[in-house]
Amino acid sequence: MCHEFHDLNEAWPEACAGHFGHRGDDAGLYVISDSMDPIRSMADGRMYDSKSAYRRELRARGCYELGNDSVSRAASPRPPVRETLRQTLQQLKGC
């Protein structure tokens, strides 16, 4: 990278087109929006459609969000509860 400031109101210099891993005519910045589909916060029960407002409220409560991947039941198989309980009872009986 050239480490120079480029005025975003002017054409992007051709030599700097690869700054963000882009090549060709579509070179430039991509904007990540602050808006999102409304979600209910597990911390306060309120609905949020702003990422920054949601994260600000989480931080104020000492919480944070972890990742952005959805979780499916197939990805995290449930352990055999009955067997786990049986083993726990056997261990307790031995105490």
PDB file of N, CA and C in Angstrom:
ATOM      1  N   MET A   1       0.841  -1.182   0.000  1.00  0.00           N
ATOM      2  CA  MET A   1       0.000   0.000   0.000  1.00  0.00           C
ATOM      3  C   MET A   1       0.883   1.241   0.000  1.00  0.00           C
ATOM      4  N   CYS A   2       0.348   2.314  -0.465  1.00  0.00           N
ATOM      5  CA  CYS A   2       1.151   3.530  -0.571  1.00  0.00           C
ATOM      6  C   CYS A   2       1.163   4.330   0.729  1.00  0.00           C
ATOM      7  N   HIS A   3       0.242   4.072   1.645  1.00  0.00           N
ATOM      8  CA  HIS A   3       0.151   4.771   2.932  1.00  0.00           C
ATOM      9  C   HIS A   3      -0.135   6.258   2.781  1.00  0.00           C
ATOM     10  N   GLU A   4      -0.740   6.631   1.680  1.00  0.00           N
ATOM     11  CA  GLU A   4      -1.108   8.021   1.439  1.00  0.00           C
ATOM     12  C   GLU A   4      -2.588   8.202   1.707  1.00  0.00           C
ATOM     13  N   PHE A   5      -2.980   9.446   2.058  1.00  0.00           N
ATOM     14  CA  PHE A   5      -4.391   9.787   2.219  1.00  0.00           C
ATOM     15  C   PHE A   5      -4.979  10.050   0.843  1.00  0.00           C
ATOM     16  N   HIS A   6      -6.160   9.511   0.585  1.00  0.00           N
ATOM     17  CA  HIS A   6      -6.837   9.754  -0.688  1.00  0.00           C
ATOM     18  C   HIS A   6      -8.198  10.367  -0.411  1.00  0.00           C
ATOM     19  N   ASP A   7      -8.466  11.487  -1.030  1.00  0.00           N
ATOM     20  CA  ASP A   7      -9.749  12.171  -0.884  1.00  0.00           C
ATOM     21  C   ASP A   7     -10.825  11.302  -1.532  1.00  0.00           C
ATOM     22  N   LEU A   8     -11.832  10.913  -0.751  1.00  0.00           N
ATOM     23  CA  LEU A   8     -12.870  10.030  -1.271  1.00  0.00           C
ATOM     24  C   LEU A   8     -13.814  10.741  -2.227  1.00  0.00           C
ATOM     25  N   ASN A   9     -13.719  12.066  -2.320  1.00  0.00           N
ATOM     26  CA  ASN A   9     -14.538  12.817  -3.277  1.00  0.00           C
ATOM     27  C   ASN A   9     -13.885  12.881  -4.644  1.00  0.00           C
ATOM     28  N   GLU A  10     -12.680  12.367  -4.758  1.00  0.00           N
ATOM     29  CA  GLU A  10     -11.960  12.350  -6.030  1.00  0.00           C
ATOM     30  C   GLU A  10     -11.810  10.911  -6.508  1.00  0.00           C
ATOM     31  N   ALA A  11     -11.466  10.754  -7.771  1.00  0.00           N
ATOM     32  CA  ALA A  11     -11.268   9.412  -8.332  1.00  0.00           C
ATOM     33  C   ALA A  11     -10.138   8.706  -7.591  1.00  0.00           C
ATOM     34  N   TRP A  12     -10.305   7.406  -7.339  1.00  0.00           N
ATOM     35  CA  TRP A  12      -9.290   6.619  -6.652  1.00  0.00           C
ATOM     36  C   TRP A  12      -8.089   6.455  -7.572  1.00  0.00           C
ATOM     37  N   PRO A  13      -6.870   6.740  -7.098  1.00  0.00           N
ATOM     38  CA  PRO A  13      -5.685   6.601  -7.967  1.00  0.00           C
ATOM     39  C   PRO A  13      -5.539   5.172  -8.472  1.00  0.00           C
ATOM     40  N   GLU A  14      -5.269   5.031  -9.741  1.00  0.00           N
ATOM     41  CA  GLU A  14      -5.157   3.710 -10.368  1.00  0.00           C
ATOM     42  C   GLU A  14      -4.114   2.840  -9.668  1.00  0.00           C
ATOM     43  N   ALA A  15      -3.007   3.430  -9.253  1.00  0.00           N
ATOM     44  CA  ALA A  15      -1.936   2.671  -8.610  1.00  0.00           C
ATOM     45  C   ALA A  15      -2.356   2.121  -7.256  1.00  0.00           C
ATOM     46  N   CYS A  16      -3.414   2.681  -6.673  1.00  0.00           N
ATOM     47  CA  CYS A  16      -3.849   2.265  -5.334  1.00  0.00           C
ATOM     48  C   CYS A  16      -5.101   1.388  -5.370  1.00  0.00           C
ATOM     49  N   ALA A  17      -5.470   0.916  -6.541  1.00  0.00           N
ATOM     50  CA  ALA A  17      -6.703   0.137  -6.691  1.00  0.00           C
ATOM     51  C   ALA A  17      -6.679  -1.149  -5.872  1.00  0.00           C
ATOM     52  N   GLY A  18      -5.502  -1.676  -5.566  1.00  0.00           N
ATOM     53  CA  GLY A  18      -5.412  -2.943  -4.841  1.00  0.00           C
ATOM     54  C   GLY A  18      -5.354  -2.814  -3.332  1.00  0.00           C
ATOM     55  N   HIS A  19      -5.540  -1.624  -2.780  1.00  0.00           N
ATOM     56  CA  HIS A  19      -5.456  -1.435  -1.329  1.00  0.00           C
ATOM     57  C   HIS A  19      -6.339  -2.396  -0.551  1.00  0.00           C
ATOM     58  N   PHE A  20      -7.503  -2.664  -1.072  1.00  0.00           N
ATOM     59  CA  PHE A  20      -8.459  -3.481  -0.331  1.00  0.00           C
ATOM     60  C   PHE A  20      -8.684  -4.825  -0.998  1.00  0.00           C
ATOM     61  N   GLY A  21      -7.698  -5.280  -1.744  1.00  0.00           N
ATOM     62  CA  GLY A  21      -7.785  -6.591  -2.358  1.00  0.00           C
ATOM     63  C   GLY A  21      -8.643  -6.621  -3.614  1.00  0.00           C
ATOM     64  N   HIS A  22      -8.977  -5.471  -4.168  1.00  0.00           N
ATOM     65  CA  HIS A  22      -9.814  -5.404  -5.361  1.00  0.00           C
ATOM     66  C   HIS A  22      -8.957  -5.024  -6.553  1.00  0.00           C
ATOM     67  N   ARG A  23      -9.368  -5.466  -7.694  1.00  0.00           N
ATOM     68  CA  ARG A  23      -8.682  -5.128  -8.935  1.00  0.00           C
ATOM     69  C   ARG A  23      -9.733  -4.688  -9.954  1.00  0.00           C
ATOM     70  N   GLY A  24      -9.338  -3.817 -10.838  1.00  0.00           N
ATOM     71  CA  GLY A  24     -10.216  -3.435 -11.936  1.00  0.00           C
ATOM     72  C   GLY A  24     -11.150  -2.289 -11.597  1.00  0.00           C
ATOM     73  N   ASP A  25     -12.229  -2.204 -12.362  1.00  0.00           N
ATOM     74  CA  ASP A  25     -13.154  -1.071 -12.270  1.00  0.00           C
ATOM     75  C   ASP A  25     -13.936  -1.030 -10.967  1.00  0.00           C
ATOM     76  N   ASP A  26     -14.128  -2.153 -10.286  1.00  0.00           N
ATOM     77  CA  ASP A  26     -14.923  -2.157  -9.057  1.00  0.00           C
ATOM     78  C   ASP A  26     -14.084  -1.859  -7.817  1.00  0.00           C
ATOM     79  N   ALA A  27     -12.831  -1.427  -8.014  1.00  0.00           N
ATOM     80  CA  ALA A  27     -11.955  -1.140  -6.872  1.00  0.00           C
ATOM     81  C   ALA A  27     -12.533  -0.006  -6.040  1.00  0.00           C
ATOM     82  N   GLY A  28     -12.430  -0.137  -4.748  1.00  0.00           N
ATOM     83  CA  GLY A  28     -12.924   0.911  -3.866  1.00  0.00           C
ATOM     84  C   GLY A  28     -13.361   0.343  -2.541  1.00  0.00           C
ATOM     85  N   LEU A  29     -14.050   1.144  -1.801  1.00  0.00           N
ATOM     86  CA  LEU A  29     -14.484   0.774  -0.464  1.00  0.00           C
ATOM     87  C   LEU A  29     -15.853   0.116  -0.485  1.00  0.00           C
ATOM     88  N   TYR A  30     -16.055  -0.789   0.416  1.00  0.00           N
ATOM     89  CA  TYR A  30     -17.359  -1.380   0.637  1.00  0.00           C
ATOM     90  C   TYR A  30     -17.826  -0.903   2.006  1.00  0.00           C
ATOM     91  N   VAL A  31     -19.083  -0.589   2.119  1.00  0.00           N
ATOM     92  CA  VAL A  31     -19.630  -0.051   3.357  1.00  0.00           C
ATOM     93  C   VAL A  31     -20.440  -1.127   4.063  1.00  0.00           C
ATOM     94  N   ILE A  32     -20.188  -1.301   5.347  1.00  0.00           N
ATOM     95  CA  ILE A  32     -20.970  -2.222   6.162  1.00  0.00           C
ATOM     96  C   ILE A  32     -21.989  -1.385   6.912  1.00  0.00           C
ATOM     97  N   SER A  33     -23.238  -1.666   6.700  1.00  0.00           N
ATOM     98  CA  SER A  33     -24.324  -0.887   7.273  1.00  0.00           C
ATOM     99  C   SER A  33     -24.463  -1.120   8.770  1.00  0.00           C
ATOM    100  N   ASP A  34     -24.963  -0.115   9.475  1.00  0.00           N
ATOM    101  CA  ASP A  34     -25.239  -0.241  10.910  1.00  0.00           C
ATOM    102  C   ASP A  34     -26.598  -0.879  11.142  1.00  0.00           C
ATOM    103  N   SER A  35     -27.425  -0.919  10.118  1.00  0.00           N
ATOM    104  CA  SER A  35     -28.772  -1.471  10.303  1.00  0.00           C
ATOM    105  C   SER A  35     -28.750  -2.995  10.178  1.00  0.00           C
ATOM    106  N   MET A  36     -29.720  -3.624  10.817  1.00  0.00           N
ATOM    107  CA  MET A  36     -29.858  -5.083  10.773  1.00  0.00           C
ATOM    108  C   MET A  36     -31.331  -5.413  10.949  1.00  0.00           C
ATOM    109  N   ASP A  37     -31.689  -6.640  10.649  1.00  0.00           N
ATOM    110  CA  ASP A  37     -33.053  -7.077  10.932  1.00  0.00           C
ATOM    111  C   ASP A  37     -33.258  -6.979  12.442  1.00  0.00           C
ATOM    112  N   PRO A  38     -34.427  -6.537  12.880  1.00  0.00           N
ATOM    113  CA  PRO A  38     -34.648  -6.376  14.321  1.00  0.00           C
ATOM    114  C   PRO A  38     -34.437  -7.685  15.084  1.00  0.00           C
ATOM    115  N   ILE A  39     -33.769  -7.570  16.224  1.00  0.00           N
ATOM    116  CA  ILE A  39     -33.558  -8.711  17.114  1.00  0.00           C
ATOM    117  C   ILE A  39     -33.918  -8.294  18.534  1.00  0.00           C
ATOM    118  N   ARG A  40     -34.307  -9.261  19.338  1.00  0.00           N
ATOM    119  CA  ARG A  40     -34.593  -9.002  20.748  1.00  0.00           C
ATOM    120  C   ARG A  40     -33.343  -9.326  21.551  1.00  0.00           C
ATOM    121  N   SER A  41     -32.915  -8.380  22.362  1.00  0.00           N
ATOM    122  CA  SER A  41     -31.733  -8.575  23.189  1.00  0.00           C
ATOM    123  C   SER A  41     -32.052  -9.514  24.344  1.00  0.00           C
ATOM    124  N   MET A  42     -31.182 -10.475  24.562  1.00  0.00           N
ATOM    125  CA  MET A  42     -31.339 -11.375  25.695  1.00  0.00           C
ATOM    126  C   MET A  42     -30.933 -10.667  26.989  1.00  0.00           C
ATOM    127  N   ALA A  43     -30.224  -9.550  26.885  1.00  0.00           N
ATOM    128  CA  ALA A  43     -29.766  -8.825  28.070  1.00  0.00           C
ATOM    129  C   ALA A  43     -30.854  -7.948  28.672  1.00  0.00           C
ATOM    130  N   ASP A  44     -31.659  -7.282  27.814  1.00  0.00           N
ATOM    131  CA  ASP A  44     -32.661  -6.354  28.344  1.00  0.00           C
ATOM    132  C   ASP A  44     -34.065  -6.560  27.787  1.00  0.00           C
ATOM    133  N   GLY A  45     -34.236  -7.475  26.844  1.00  0.00           N
ATOM    134  CA  GLY A  45     -35.560  -7.774  26.299  1.00  0.00           C
ATOM    135  C   GLY A  45     -36.056  -6.790  25.259  1.00  0.00           C
ATOM    136  N   ARG A  46     -35.286  -5.743  24.962  1.00  0.00           N
ATOM    137  CA  ARG A  46     -35.705  -4.741  23.982  1.00  0.00           C
ATOM    138  C   ARG A  46     -35.334  -5.175  22.573  1.00  0.00           C
ATOM    139  N   MET A  47     -36.038  -4.595  21.580  1.00  0.00           N
ATOM    140  CA  MET A  47     -35.758  -4.869  20.180  1.00  0.00           C
ATOM    141  C   MET A  47     -34.733  -3.856  19.666  1.00  0.00           C
ATOM    142  N   TYR A  48     -33.786  -4.323  18.855  1.00  0.00           N
ATOM    143  CA  TYR A  48     -32.759  -3.462  18.267  1.00  0.00           C
ATOM    144  C   TYR A  48     -32.685  -3.702  16.768  1.00  0.00           C
ATOM    145  N   ASP A  49     -32.554  -2.606  15.997  1.00  0.00           N
ATOM    146  CA  ASP A  49     -32.308  -2.719  14.560  1.00  0.00           C
ATOM    147  C   ASP A  49     -31.027  -1.976  14.180  1.00  0.00           C
ATOM    148  N   SER A  50     -30.262  -1.574  15.177  1.00  0.00           N
ATOM    149  CA  SER A  50     -28.979  -0.903  14.979  1.00  0.00           C
ATOM    150  C   SER A  50     -27.891  -1.728  15.657  1.00  0.00           C
ATOM    151  N   LYS A  51     -26.885  -2.115  14.895  1.00  0.00           N
ATOM    152  CA  LYS A  51     -25.790  -2.908  15.454  1.00  0.00           C
ATOM    153  C   LYS A  51     -25.061  -2.146  16.555  1.00  0.00           C
ATOM    154  N   SER A  52     -24.788  -0.859  16.308  1.00  0.00           N
ATOM    155  CA  SER A  52     -24.026  -0.091  17.288  1.00  0.00           C
ATOM    156  C   SER A  52     -24.818   0.115  18.574  1.00  0.00           C
ATOM    157  N   ALA A  53     -26.120   0.371  18.473  1.00  0.00           N
ATOM    158  CA  ALA A  53     -26.941   0.548  19.679  1.00  0.00           C
ATOM    159  C   ALA A  53     -27.008  -0.757  20.470  1.00  0.00           C
ATOM    160  N   TYR A  54     -27.152  -1.867  19.768  1.00  0.00           N
ATOM    161  CA  TYR A  54     -27.203  -3.181  20.419  1.00  0.00           C
ATOM    162  C   TYR A  54     -25.896  -3.472  21.155  1.00  0.00           C
ATOM    163  N   ARG A  55     -24.751  -3.252  20.483  1.00  0.00           N
ATOM    164  CA  ARG A  55     -23.456  -3.522  21.095  1.00  0.00           C
ATOM    165  C   ARG A  55     -23.177  -2.570  22.259  1.00  0.00           C
ATOM    166  N   ARG A  56     -23.599  -1.305  22.120  1.00  0.00           N
ATOM    167  CA  ARG A  56     -23.421  -0.338  23.204  1.00  0.00           C
ATOM    168  C   ARG A  56     -24.188  -0.786  24.452  1.00  0.00           C
ATOM    169  N   GLU A  57     -25.416  -1.252  24.260  1.00  0.00           N
ATOM    170  CA  GLU A  57     -26.228  -1.719  25.392  1.00  0.00           C
ATOM    171  C   GLU A  57     -25.615  -2.977  26.024  1.00  0.00           C
ATOM    172  N   LEU A  58     -25.109  -3.882  25.204  1.00  0.00           N
ATOM    173  CA  LEU A  58     -24.457  -5.080  25.742  1.00  0.00           C
ATOM    174  C   LEU A  58     -23.254  -4.701  26.603  1.00  0.00           C
ATOM    175  N   ARG A  59     -22.399  -3.806  26.069  1.00  0.00           N
ATOM    176  CA  ARG A  59     -21.209  -3.384  26.820  1.00  0.00           C
ATOM    177  C   ARG A  59     -21.586  -2.722  28.138  1.00  0.00           C
ATOM    178  N   ALA A  60     -22.650  -1.910  28.137  1.00  0.00           N
ATOM    179  CA  ALA A  60     -23.085  -1.226  29.357  1.00  0.00           C
ATOM    180  C   ALA A  60     -23.494  -2.231  30.428  1.00  0.00           C
ATOM    181  N   ARG A  61     -23.932  -3.424  30.016  1.00  0.00           N
ATOM    182  CA  ARG A  61     -24.352  -4.468  30.959  1.00  0.00           C
ATOM    183  C   ARG A  61     -23.241  -5.479  31.243  1.00  0.00           C
ATOM    184  N   GLY A  62     -22.060  -5.223  30.691  1.00  0.00           N
ATOM    185  CA  GLY A  62     -20.947  -6.144  30.913  1.00  0.00           C
ATOM    186  C   GLY A  62     -21.014  -7.380  30.039  1.00  0.00           C
ATOM    187  N   CYS A  63     -21.794  -7.337  28.978  1.00  0.00           N
ATOM    188  CA  CYS A  63     -21.945  -8.482  28.069  1.00  0.00           C
ATOM    189  C   CYS A  63     -21.246  -8.173  26.745  1.00  0.00           C
ATOM    190  N   TYR A  64     -21.131  -9.169  25.897  1.00  0.00           N
ATOM    191  CA  TYR A  64     -20.588  -8.988  24.568  1.00  0.00           C
ATOM    192  C   TYR A  64     -21.189 -10.048  23.664  1.00  0.00           C
ATOM    193  N   GLU A  65     -21.156  -9.771  22.367  1.00  0.00           N
ATOM    194  CA  GLU A  65     -21.643 -10.774  21.423  1.00  0.00           C
ATOM    195  C   GLU A  65     -20.462 -11.611  20.962  1.00  0.00           C
ATOM    196  N   LEU A  66     -20.729 -12.835  20.652  1.00  0.00           N
ATOM    197  CA  LEU A  66     -19.679 -13.759  20.286  1.00  0.00           C
ATOM    198  C   LEU A  66     -19.992 -14.332  18.920  1.00  0.00           C
ATOM    199  N   GLY A  67     -19.233 -13.954  17.922  1.00  0.00           N
ATOM    200  CA  GLY A  67     -19.400 -14.495  16.580  1.00  0.00           C
ATOM    201  C   GLY A  67     -20.673 -14.049  15.910  1.00  0.00           C
ATOM    202  N   ASN A  68     -20.837 -14.482  14.682  1.00  0.00           N
ATOM    203  CA  ASN A  68     -22.037 -14.157  13.930  1.00  0.00           C
ATOM    204  C   ASN A  68     -22.548 -15.366  13.161  1.00  0.00           C
ATOM    205  N   ASP A  69     -22.117 -16.539  13.559  1.00  0.00           N
ATOM    206  CA  ASP A  69     -22.542 -17.758  12.898  1.00  0.00           C
ATOM    207  C   ASP A  69     -23.798 -18.295  13.556  1.00  0.00           C
ATOM    208  N   SER A  70     -24.688 -18.824  12.737  1.00  0.00           N
ATOM    209  CA  SER A  70     -25.875 -19.440  13.308  1.00  0.00           C
ATOM    210  C   SER A  70     -25.512 -20.842  13.806  1.00  0.00           C
ATOM    211  N   VAL A  71     -26.206 -21.283  14.807  1.00  0.00           N
ATOM    212  CA  VAL A  71     -25.948 -22.593  15.402  1.00  0.00           C
ATOM    213  C   VAL A  71     -27.070 -23.527  14.997  1.00  0.00           C
ATOM    214  N   SER A  72     -26.706 -24.692  14.534  1.00  0.00           N
ATOM    215  CA  SER A  72     -27.726 -25.682  14.189  1.00  0.00           C
ATOM    216  C   SER A  72     -27.583 -26.867  15.132  1.00  0.00           C
ATOM    217  N   ARG A  73     -28.668 -27.553  15.352  1.00  0.00           N
ATOM    218  CA  ARG A  73     -28.626 -28.709  16.256  1.00  0.00           C
ATOM    219  C   ARG A  73     -27.711 -29.795  15.709  1.00  0.00           C
ATOM    220  N   ALA A  74     -27.633 -29.900  14.383  1.00  0.00           N
ATOM    221  CA  ALA A  74     -26.774 -30.918  13.787  1.00  0.00           C
ATOM    222  C   ALA A  74     -25.306 -30.628  14.069  1.00  0.00           C
ATOM    223  N   ALA A  75     -24.952 -29.344  14.194  1.00  0.00           N
ATOM    224  CA  ALA A  75     -23.556 -28.980  14.433  1.00  0.00           C
ATOM    225  C   ALA A  75     -23.141 -29.259  15.872  1.00  0.00           C
ATOM    226  N   SER A  76     -24.095 -29.270  16.795  1.00  0.00           N
ATOM    227  CA  SER A  76     -23.761 -29.536  18.198  1.00  0.00           C
ATOM    228  C   SER A  76     -24.687 -30.620  18.727  1.00  0.00           C
ATOM    229  N   PRO A  77     -24.319 -31.888  18.504  1.00  0.00           N
ATOM    230  CA  PRO A  77     -25.196 -32.988  18.910  1.00  0.00           C
ATOM    231  C   PRO A  77     -25.415 -33.014  20.421  1.00  0.00           C
ATOM    232  N   ARG A  78     -26.613 -33.332  20.806  1.00  0.00           N
ATOM    233  CA  ARG A  78     -26.976 -33.395  22.226  1.00  0.00           C
ATOM    234  C   ARG A  78     -26.440 -34.692  22.834  1.00  0.00           C
ATOM    235  N   PRO A  79     -25.776 -34.586  23.980  1.00  0.00           N
ATOM    236  CA  PRO A  79     -25.255 -35.805  24.597  1.00  0.00           C
ATOM    237  C   PRO A  79     -26.415 -36.678  25.093  1.00  0.00           C
ATOM    238  N   PRO A  80     -26.203 -37.964  25.217  1.00  0.00           N
ATOM    239  CA  PRO A  80     -27.259 -38.847  25.704  1.00  0.00           C
ATOM    240  C   PRO A  80     -27.554 -38.546  27.176  1.00  0.00           C
ATOM    241  N   VAL A  81     -28.608 -37.819  27.434  1.00  0.00           N
ATOM    242  CA  VAL A  81     -28.931 -37.343  28.775  1.00  0.00           C
ATOM    243  C   VAL A  81     -29.168 -38.491  29.738  1.00  0.00           C
ATOM    244  N   ARG A  82     -29.929 -39.481  29.301  1.00  0.00           N
ATOM    245  CA  ARG A  82     -30.246 -40.606  30.183  1.00  0.00           C
ATOM    246  C   ARG A  82     -28.979 -41.318  30.657  1.00  0.00           C
ATOM    247  N   GLU A  83     -28.040 -41.545  29.752  1.00  0.00           N
ATOM    248  CA  GLU A  83     -26.788 -42.216  30.112  1.00  0.00           C
ATOM    249  C   GLU A  83     -25.954 -41.352  31.062  1.00  0.00           C
ATOM    250  N   THR A  84     -25.909 -40.046  30.804  1.00  0.00           N
ATOM    251  CA  THR A  84     -25.164 -39.136  31.676  1.00  0.00           C
ATOM    252  C   THR A  84     -25.748 -39.140  33.084  1.00  0.00           C
ATOM    253  N   LEU A  85     -27.070 -39.119  33.186  1.00  0.00           N
ATOM    254  CA  LEU A  85     -27.729 -39.165  34.501  1.00  0.00           C
ATOM    255  C   LEU A  85     -27.444 -40.485  35.218  1.00  0.00           C
ATOM    256  N   ARG A  86     -27.483 -41.593  34.476  1.00  0.00           N
ATOM    257  CA  ARG A  86     -27.204 -42.895  35.073  1.00  0.00           C
ATOM    258  C   ARG A  86     -25.794 -42.935  35.642  1.00  0.00           C
ATOM    259  N   GLN A  87     -24.826 -42.438  34.890  1.00  0.00           N
ATOM    260  CA  GLN A  87     -23.441 -42.418  35.354  1.00  0.00           C
ATOM    261  C   GLN A  87     -23.287 -41.508  36.585  1.00  0.00           C
ATOM    262  N   THR A  88     -23.943 -40.384  36.588  1.00  0.00           N
ATOM    263  CA  THR A  88     -23.858 -39.464  37.722  1.00  0.00           C
ATOM    264  C   THR A  88     -24.435 -40.095  38.972  1.00  0.00           C
ATOM    265  N   LEU A  89     -25.592 -40.777  38.832  1.00  0.00           N
ATOM    266  CA  LEU A  89     -26.205 -41.445  39.984  1.00  0.00           C
ATOM    267  C   LEU A  89     -25.292 -42.547  40.516  1.00  0.00           C
ATOM    268  N   GLN A  90     -24.657 -43.300  39.627  1.00  0.00           N
ATOM    269  CA  GLN A  90     -23.735 -44.351  40.061  1.00  0.00           C
ATOM    270  C   GLN A  90     -22.558 -43.763  40.843  1.00  0.00           C
ATOM    271  N   GLN A  91     -22.040 -42.616  40.364  1.00  0.00           N
ATOM    272  CA  GLN A  91     -20.928 -41.976  41.057  1.00  0.00           C
ATOM    273  C   GLN A  91     -21.355 -41.489  42.440  1.00  0.00           C
ATOM    274  N   LEU A  92     -22.571 -40.958  42.530  1.00  0.00           N
ATOM    275  CA  LEU A  92     -23.069 -40.451  43.830  1.00  0.00           C
ATOM    276  C   LEU A  92     -23.302 -41.583  44.817  1.00  0.00           C
ATOM    277  N   LYS A  93     -23.777 -42.723  44.325  1.00  0.00           N
ATOM    278  CA  LYS A  93     -24.017 -43.865  45.194  1.00  0.00           C
ATOM    279  C   LYS A  93     -22.709 -44.380  45.796  1.00  0.00           C
ATOM    280  N   GLY A  94     -21.620 -44.203  45.041  1.00  0.00           N
ATOM    281  CA  GLY A  94     -20.330 -44.678  45.519  1.00  0.00           C
ATOM    282  C   GLY A  94     -19.690 -43.764  46.560  1.00  0.00           C
ATOM    283  N   CYS A  95     -20.255 -42.587  46.776  1.00  0.00           N
ATOM    284  CA  CYS A  95     -19.663 -41.641  47.746  1.00  0.00           C
ATOM    285  C   CYS A  95     -20.012 -41.979  49.160  1.00  0.00           C
TER     286      CYS A  95
END
